[in-house]
Protein backbone atom coordinates (compact mmCIF):
# COMPACT_ATOMS: atom_id res chain seq x y z
CA MET A 1 163.42 138.23 19.99
CA LYS A 2 166.59 137.92 17.98
CA CYS A 3 169.02 135.04 17.59
CA LYS A 4 172.73 135.39 18.33
CA CYS A 5 173.27 135.42 14.55
CA GLY A 6 170.93 138.43 14.22
CA GLY A 7 168.03 136.49 12.70
CA ILE A 8 164.43 136.71 13.90
CA LEU A 9 163.18 134.00 16.26
CA ASP A 10 159.88 132.41 15.21
CA ILE A 11 157.65 130.72 17.80
CA ILE A 12 157.24 127.03 16.96
CA ARG A 13 155.51 125.79 20.14
CA ILE A 14 153.69 127.35 23.12
CA GLU A 15 153.24 125.54 26.42
CA ASN A 16 149.68 124.86 27.59
CA PRO A 17 148.98 125.62 31.26
CA PRO A 18 148.48 122.52 33.40
CA GLY A 19 144.86 121.31 33.32
CA SER A 20 144.72 121.11 37.11
CA LEU A 21 144.82 124.92 37.45
CA SER A 22 141.71 127.03 37.93
CA GLU A 23 140.76 129.53 35.22
CA GLN A 24 142.27 132.39 37.27
CA GLU A 25 145.48 130.46 37.87
CA LYS A 26 145.74 129.70 34.13
CA LEU A 27 145.58 133.43 33.38
CA ALA A 28 148.48 134.11 35.76
CA TYR A 29 150.57 131.08 34.68
CA LYS A 30 153.84 132.08 32.98
CA ARG A 31 154.01 129.93 29.87
CA VAL A 32 157.16 129.16 27.93
CA CYS A 33 157.67 128.57 24.23
CA ASP A 34 160.17 127.04 21.83
CA VAL A 35 161.53 129.34 19.12
CA GLN A 36 163.57 128.78 15.96
CA CYS A 37 165.78 131.23 14.11
CA LEU A 38 164.55 132.00 10.59
CA GLU A 39 168.16 132.59 9.44
CA CYS A 40 170.31 129.80 10.89
CA GLY A 41 167.63 127.36 12.08
CA LYS A 42 168.89 127.16 15.69
CA VAL A 43 166.16 126.21 18.19
CA TYR A 44 165.91 127.78 21.65
CA TYR A 45 163.78 125.78 24.08
CA SER A 46 161.70 127.01 27.03
CA GLN A 47 161.83 130.71 26.33
CA PRO A 48 159.43 133.06 28.15
CA TYR A 49 156.17 133.62 26.30
CA ASP A 50 154.18 135.66 28.82
CA PHE A 51 155.26 138.81 30.64
CA GLY A 52 158.21 139.65 28.35
CA ASN A 53 160.96 138.16 30.51
CA LYS A 54 164.47 137.54 29.23
CA PHE A 55 165.70 134.10 28.12
CA ASN A 56 164.62 131.32 30.43
CA THR A 57 166.28 128.23 31.78
CA PHE A 58 165.31 124.94 30.11
CA ARG A 59 161.89 123.51 30.94
CA ASP A 60 160.85 120.17 29.40
CA LEU A 61 157.69 120.66 27.30
CA ASN A 62 157.46 117.08 26.07
CA ASN A 63 155.08 115.96 28.83
CA ASP A 64 151.85 116.36 26.85
């Protein structure tokens, strides 16, 4: 992924699937990640990690 400034986005955090899911459900769960631009430092939260989707809406990952 690339930032709006043209820099490369580096993954800084990956969501863990909820512990209540079965092993099969965990494999199908679409995780999100937080990324940060290596050029300008801007952080994009809740971006798709699995299945190569486009930018995602915000999902709060601070519920660890």
